[in-house]
Amino acid sequence: MESEGLHAHAVELVRHGRRILRGVSVTVRAGELVAVIGENGAGKSSLLKVMAGELRPDGGSVSLDGRLMTALGARALARRRAVLPQDLALGFDFEALEVVLLGRYPHTGGGESSAERAFAMHCLALTECAHLAHQRTTTLSGGERARVQLARVLAQLGREGEGGRYALLDEPAASLDLSHQLALFELLARLTRESGIGVLVTVHDLGLAMRYADRIVVLRGGSVVGETPGSLDEELIRTAFGVEAEVRRHPQVRHCMVALNRVAHPGAG
């Protein structure tokens, strides 16, 4: 068992007789941004839910800094890891600030001191939506709601303390415009560097994954078919997505770009 990090070991997941995950092992360490990519149905969201402790695997195990996740109480787990699902509908018409304060509940039990409100405002500022603090969430756009929910995740993880802290984000850029997609991943990269938060993020945009991730995990059919240190090659893209592509290094910056050419021939590879 891994002594440090959020670790899935040989995870199996079966739903309605169908194997969703097949012996998947993934580790996210403190201060690291790991991107999970793959086609729709590859198992990305299911893997994230298993590693968040929301789904119990049918085989294998998940541990958090050397302790089995099943041995952690709900409140202790909530202090160490926070989750941003794809679709999170609130049942009440909260103000944005109230949503962020919900993230502080595992730490405060519901108290709202001036210091807690100030920290929640700080988290809103980090996600560029402090100006929305007193707006009702029902009046916000999808992208604005996503940024408010990210602020809630940051508030839940809290200030730096003992043990690693981990954020698990399922397609957080899906409802954002281009400028906010870049701002989001810049923020995630900065949090890993400066605050030591470990981030696991599912993403469809290969360019974002290659630009910002420390490691990229590639899923296909519920199995890991590749894991790379922040880059992809043409063969791995063809294996994972069934398309021919060219990977080019930008002449002025360190990251690579992907140029998609055509659907790969069914018999190729």
Protein backbone atom coordinates (compact mmCIF):
# COMPACT_ATOMS: atom_id res chain seq x y z
CA MET A 1 0.00 0.00 0.00
CA GLU A 2 1.28 3.48 -0.87
CA SER A 3 2.26 5.38 2.30
CA GLU A 4 1.79 8.81 0.74
CA GLY A 5 -0.84 10.15 -1.61
CA LEU A 6 -4.31 9.20 -2.73
CA HIS A 7 -3.88 5.74 -4.20
CA ALA A 8 -6.17 3.36 -6.07
CA HIS A 9 -4.71 -0.14 -6.23
CA ALA A 10 -5.99 -2.72 -8.75
CA VAL A 11 -9.50 -1.30 -8.54
CA GLU A 12 -12.37 -3.27 -10.08
CA LEU A 13 -15.86 -1.86 -10.46
CA VAL A 14 -18.91 -3.75 -11.74
CA ARG A 15 -22.32 -2.19 -12.32
CA HIS A 16 -25.36 -4.13 -13.56
CA GLY A 17 -23.15 -6.99 -14.69
CA ARG A 18 -20.79 -4.72 -16.65
CA ARG A 19 -17.16 -4.22 -15.70
CA ILE A 20 -16.58 -0.47 -15.54
CA LEU A 21 -13.02 -0.50 -14.15
CA ARG A 22 -10.53 -3.30 -14.74
CA GLY A 23 -7.59 -3.49 -12.35
CA VAL A 24 -6.94 0.26 -12.36
CA SER A 25 -4.06 1.63 -10.27
CA VAL A 26 -3.56 5.40 -10.01
CA THR A 27 -1.70 7.56 -7.49
CA VAL A 28 -2.06 11.29 -6.83
CA ARG A 29 0.59 12.75 -4.55
CA ALA A 30 0.52 16.01 -2.65
CA GLY A 31 1.57 18.89 -4.87
CA GLU A 32 0.77 17.04 -8.08
CA LEU A 33 -1.82 17.60 -10.81
CA VAL A 34 -2.90 14.36 -12.49
CA ALA A 35 -5.22 14.47 -15.51
CA VAL A 36 -7.35 11.48 -16.52
CA ILE A 37 -8.33 11.38 -20.19
CA GLY A 38 -10.24 8.95 -22.39
CA GLU A 39 -13.34 8.58 -24.51
CA ASN A 40 -16.84 8.87 -23.09
CA GLY A 41 -17.54 5.62 -21.25
CA ALA A 42 -13.86 4.90 -20.61
CA GLY A 43 -14.44 4.97 -16.84
CA LYS A 44 -13.08 8.42 -15.96
CA SER A 45 -15.97 9.58 -13.77
CA SER A 46 -16.31 6.15 -12.16
CA LEU A 47 -12.62 6.14 -11.25
CA LEU A 48 -12.94 9.59 -9.71
CA LYS A 49 -15.96 8.50 -7.64
CA VAL A 50 -14.12 5.41 -6.41
CA MET A 51 -11.05 7.45 -5.45
CA ALA A 52 -13.31 9.98 -3.71
CA GLY A 53 -14.86 7.23 -1.59
CA GLU A 54 -18.29 7.73 -3.15
CA LEU A 55 -18.34 4.30 -4.82
CA ARG A 56 -17.02 1.18 -3.13
CA PRO A 57 -14.90 -0.91 -5.51
CA ASP A 58 -15.72 -4.56 -6.15
CA GLY A 59 -12.03 -5.37 -6.02
CA GLY A 60 -8.81 -3.65 -5.06
CA SER A 61 -8.55 -0.79 -2.58
CA VAL A 62 -8.25 2.97 -2.17
CA SER A 63 -5.98 4.51 0.44
CA LEU A 64 -5.27 8.04 1.64
CA ASP A 65 -1.74 8.60 2.90
CA GLY A 66 -1.41 4.96 3.86
CA ARG A 67 -4.83 4.48 5.47
CA LEU A 68 -7.62 2.59 3.78
CA MET A 69 -10.37 5.01 2.84
CA THR A 70 -12.96 2.67 4.34
CA ALA A 71 -11.27 3.20 7.74
CA LEU A 72 -11.74 6.98 7.66
CA GLY A 73 -14.81 8.60 9.14
CA ALA A 74 -16.95 10.83 6.93
CA ARG A 75 -15.89 14.07 8.62
CA ALA A 76 -12.20 13.19 8.65
CA LEU A 77 -12.40 12.27 4.97
CA ALA A 78 -14.23 15.49 4.12
CA ARG A 79 -11.41 17.51 5.67
CA ARG A 80 -8.83 15.80 3.48
CA ARG A 81 -10.53 15.50 0.11
CA ALA A 82 -13.13 17.54 -1.72
CA VAL A 83 -15.07 16.62 -4.85
CA LEU A 84 -16.46 18.68 -7.71
CA PRO A 85 -18.87 16.48 -9.74
CA GLN A 86 -19.97 17.27 -13.27
CA ASP A 87 -23.53 18.13 -12.33
CA LEU A 88 -24.18 19.42 -8.83
CA ALA A 89 -27.69 20.76 -8.42
CA LEU A 90 -28.49 22.62 -5.22
CA GLY A 91 -31.89 22.07 -3.68
CA PHE A 92 -32.01 25.58 -2.20
CA ASP A 93 -31.60 29.05 -3.64
CA PHE A 94 -28.42 29.91 -1.75
CA GLU A 95 -26.23 32.93 -2.24
CA ALA A 96 -22.81 32.09 -3.68
CA LEU A 97 -21.12 32.92 -0.37
CA GLU A 98 -23.45 30.52 1.46
CA VAL A 99 -22.49 27.74 -0.98
CA VAL A 100 -18.81 28.29 -0.26
CA LEU A 101 -19.44 28.31 3.49
CA LEU A 102 -20.99 24.83 3.12
CA GLY A 103 -17.47 23.65 2.35
CA ARG A 104 -16.36 24.78 5.80
CA TYR A 105 -18.88 22.55 7.61
CA PRO A 106 -16.45 19.62 8.20
CA HIS A 107 -14.16 22.07 10.01
CA THR A 108 -16.65 24.24 11.87
CA GLY A 109 -19.78 22.15 12.31
CA GLY A 110 -21.82 25.01 10.89
CA GLY A 111 -20.47 28.06 12.73
CA GLU A 112 -20.01 31.20 10.63
CA SER A 113 -17.51 33.50 12.32
CA SER A 114 -16.20 36.61 10.62
CA ALA A 115 -12.94 34.73 10.01
CA GLU A 116 -14.80 31.93 8.25
CA ARG A 117 -16.69 34.37 6.07
CA ALA A 118 -13.43 36.14 5.22
CA PHE A 119 -11.84 32.82 4.22
CA ALA A 120 -14.86 31.96 2.07
CA MET A 121 -14.54 35.35 0.35
CA HIS A 122 -10.85 34.61 -0.23
CA CYS A 123 -11.80 31.35 -1.96
CA LEU A 124 -14.33 33.19 -4.13
CA ALA A 125 -11.63 35.68 -5.08
CA LEU A 126 -9.29 32.85 -6.09
CA THR A 127 -11.88 31.62 -8.58
CA GLU A 128 -12.59 35.15 -9.83
CA CYS A 129 -16.14 35.35 -8.56
CA ALA A 130 -15.97 37.43 -5.36
CA HIS A 131 -18.32 39.88 -7.07
CA LEU A 132 -20.95 37.13 -7.12
CA ALA A 133 -20.87 36.55 -3.35
CA HIS A 134 -24.40 37.79 -2.69
CA GLN A 135 -25.95 36.64 -5.95
CA ARG A 136 -28.47 33.80 -5.80
CA THR A 137 -27.11 30.69 -7.49
CA THR A 138 -30.25 30.35 -9.59
CA THR A 139 -29.36 33.64 -11.30
CA LEU A 140 -25.84 32.53 -12.25
CA SER A 141 -24.69 31.07 -15.55
CA GLY A 142 -23.42 27.51 -15.71
CA GLY A 143 -19.84 28.72 -15.81
CA GLU A 144 -20.37 31.03 -12.83
CA ARG A 145 -21.92 28.22 -10.81
CA ALA A 146 -18.95 25.99 -11.66
CA ARG A 147 -16.51 28.62 -10.37
CA VAL A 148 -18.53 29.07 -7.18
CA GLN A 149 -18.46 25.31 -6.64
CA LEU A 150 -14.70 25.29 -7.15
CA ALA A 151 -14.46 27.97 -4.46
CA ARG A 152 -16.50 25.65 -2.21
CA VAL A 153 -13.96 22.86 -2.87
CA LEU A 154 -11.09 25.17 -1.90
CA ALA A 155 -12.93 26.21 1.26
CA GLN A 156 -13.51 22.58 2.19
CA LEU A 157 -9.83 21.72 1.85
CA GLY A 158 -9.07 24.66 4.08
CA ARG A 159 -5.76 26.10 5.09
CA GLU A 160 -2.60 24.03 4.98
CA GLY A 161 -2.45 21.60 7.89
CA GLU A 162 -1.41 18.07 8.75
CA GLY A 163 -1.52 15.46 6.01
CA GLY A 164 -2.18 15.79 2.31
CA ARG A 165 -5.24 17.46 0.84
CA TYR A 166 -6.78 16.32 -2.41
CA ALA A 167 -9.24 17.84 -4.88
CA LEU A 168 -11.07 15.55 -7.31
CA LEU A 169 -12.67 17.44 -10.18
CA ASP A 170 -14.88 15.84 -12.83
CA GLU A 171 -14.75 17.84 -16.08
CA PRO A 172 -14.53 21.20 -14.27
CA ALA A 173 -13.88 23.12 -17.50
CA ALA A 174 -16.90 21.74 -19.38
CA SER A 175 -19.17 24.75 -18.84
CA LEU A 176 -16.48 27.45 -18.86
CA ASP A 177 -15.56 29.80 -21.66
CA LEU A 178 -11.99 29.70 -22.97
CA SER A 179 -10.59 32.42 -20.73
CA HIS A 180 -12.01 30.81 -17.60
CA GLN A 181 -10.78 27.36 -18.67
CA LEU A 182 -7.24 28.71 -18.77
CA ALA A 183 -7.74 30.62 -15.51
CA LEU A 184 -9.06 27.47 -13.83
CA PHE A 185 -6.09 25.34 -14.81
CA GLU A 186 -3.64 28.12 -13.97
CA LEU A 187 -5.22 28.21 -10.51
CA LEU A 188 -5.06 24.41 -10.11
CA ALA A 189 -1.41 24.38 -11.16
CA ARG A 190 -0.63 27.19 -8.72
CA LEU A 191 -2.42 25.42 -5.86
CA THR A 192 -0.40 22.27 -6.40
CA ARG A 193 2.86 24.24 -6.41
CA GLU A 194 2.17 26.68 -3.59
CA SER A 195 -0.28 24.87 -1.29
CA GLY A 196 0.72 21.26 -1.86
CA ILE A 197 -2.80 20.19 -2.82
CA GLY A 198 -2.99 17.03 -4.90
CA VAL A 199 -5.42 17.35 -7.82
CA LEU A 200 -7.08 14.60 -9.85
CA VAL A 201 -9.02 16.01 -12.78
CA THR A 202 -10.90 14.39 -15.64
CA VAL A 203 -10.64 16.37 -18.84
CA HIS A 204 -11.53 16.07 -22.53
CA ASP A 205 -9.24 18.83 -23.79
CA LEU A 206 -5.90 17.19 -24.60
CA GLY A 207 -4.26 20.60 -24.90
CA LEU A 208 -5.17 21.55 -21.33
CA ALA A 209 -3.99 18.17 -20.05
CA MET A 210 -0.63 18.42 -21.81
CA ARG A 211 -0.07 22.02 -20.79
CA TYR A 212 -0.87 21.77 -17.09
CA ALA A 213 -0.74 18.17 -15.86
CA ASP A 214 2.30 16.70 -14.14
CA ARG A 215 1.08 13.27 -15.24
CA ILE A 216 -1.60 12.08 -17.66
CA VAL A 217 -3.44 8.79 -17.11
CA VAL A 218 -5.14 7.39 -20.21
CA LEU A 219 -8.19 5.14 -19.84
CA ARG A 220 -9.85 2.99 -22.47
CA GLY A 221 -12.56 0.46 -21.79
CA GLY A 222 -12.05 0.71 -18.03
CA SER A 223 -8.31 -0.04 -18.18
CA VAL A 224 -5.23 2.15 -17.97
CA VAL A 225 -3.63 2.00 -21.42
CA GLY A 226 -0.99 4.61 -20.76
CA GLU A 227 0.49 6.95 -18.18
CA THR A 228 2.86 9.71 -19.20
CA PRO A 229 4.69 12.62 -17.53
CA GLY A 230 2.56 15.42 -18.91
CA SER A 231 2.79 14.59 -22.61
CA LEU A 232 1.17 12.33 -25.20
CA ASP A 233 2.36 10.76 -28.41
CA GLU A 234 0.51 9.93 -31.60
CA GLU A 235 0.32 6.20 -30.90
CA LEU A 236 -1.22 6.68 -27.46
CA ILE A 237 -3.79 9.13 -28.83
CA ARG A 238 -4.74 6.62 -31.54
CA THR A 239 -5.03 3.82 -28.96
CA ALA A 240 -7.18 5.86 -26.60
CA PHE A 241 -9.37 7.80 -29.02
CA GLY A 242 -9.18 6.04 -32.38
CA VAL A 243 -7.93 9.11 -34.24
CA GLU A 244 -4.79 9.98 -36.14
CA ALA A 245 -3.04 13.03 -34.70
CA GLU A 246 0.19 14.96 -34.74
CA VAL A 247 1.81 16.17 -31.53
CA ARG A 248 3.83 19.32 -32.03
CA ARG A 249 5.97 21.24 -29.57
CA HIS A 250 5.25 24.95 -29.51
CA PRO A 251 8.39 26.87 -30.56
CA GLN A 252 8.11 29.43 -27.75
CA VAL A 253 6.65 27.55 -24.80
CA ARG A 254 7.43 24.16 -23.30
CA HIS A 255 4.07 22.44 -23.79
CA CYS A 256 2.93 20.48 -26.82
CA MET A 257 -0.10 20.89 -29.04
CA VAL A 258 -2.27 18.23 -30.67
CA ALA A 259 -3.42 18.51 -34.28
CA LEU A 260 -6.19 16.02 -35.05
CA ASN A 261 -6.13 14.69 -38.61
CA ARG A 262 -8.73 11.97 -39.15
CA VAL A 263 -10.43 8.95 -37.65
CA ALA A 264 -8.02 6.03 -37.54
CA HIS A 265 -8.76 3.08 -39.84
CA PRO A 266 -10.54 0.36 -37.80
CA GLY A 267 -7.79 -2.12 -38.65
CA ALA A 268 -4.92 0.22 -37.85
CA GLY A 269 -2.73 -0.43 -34.81
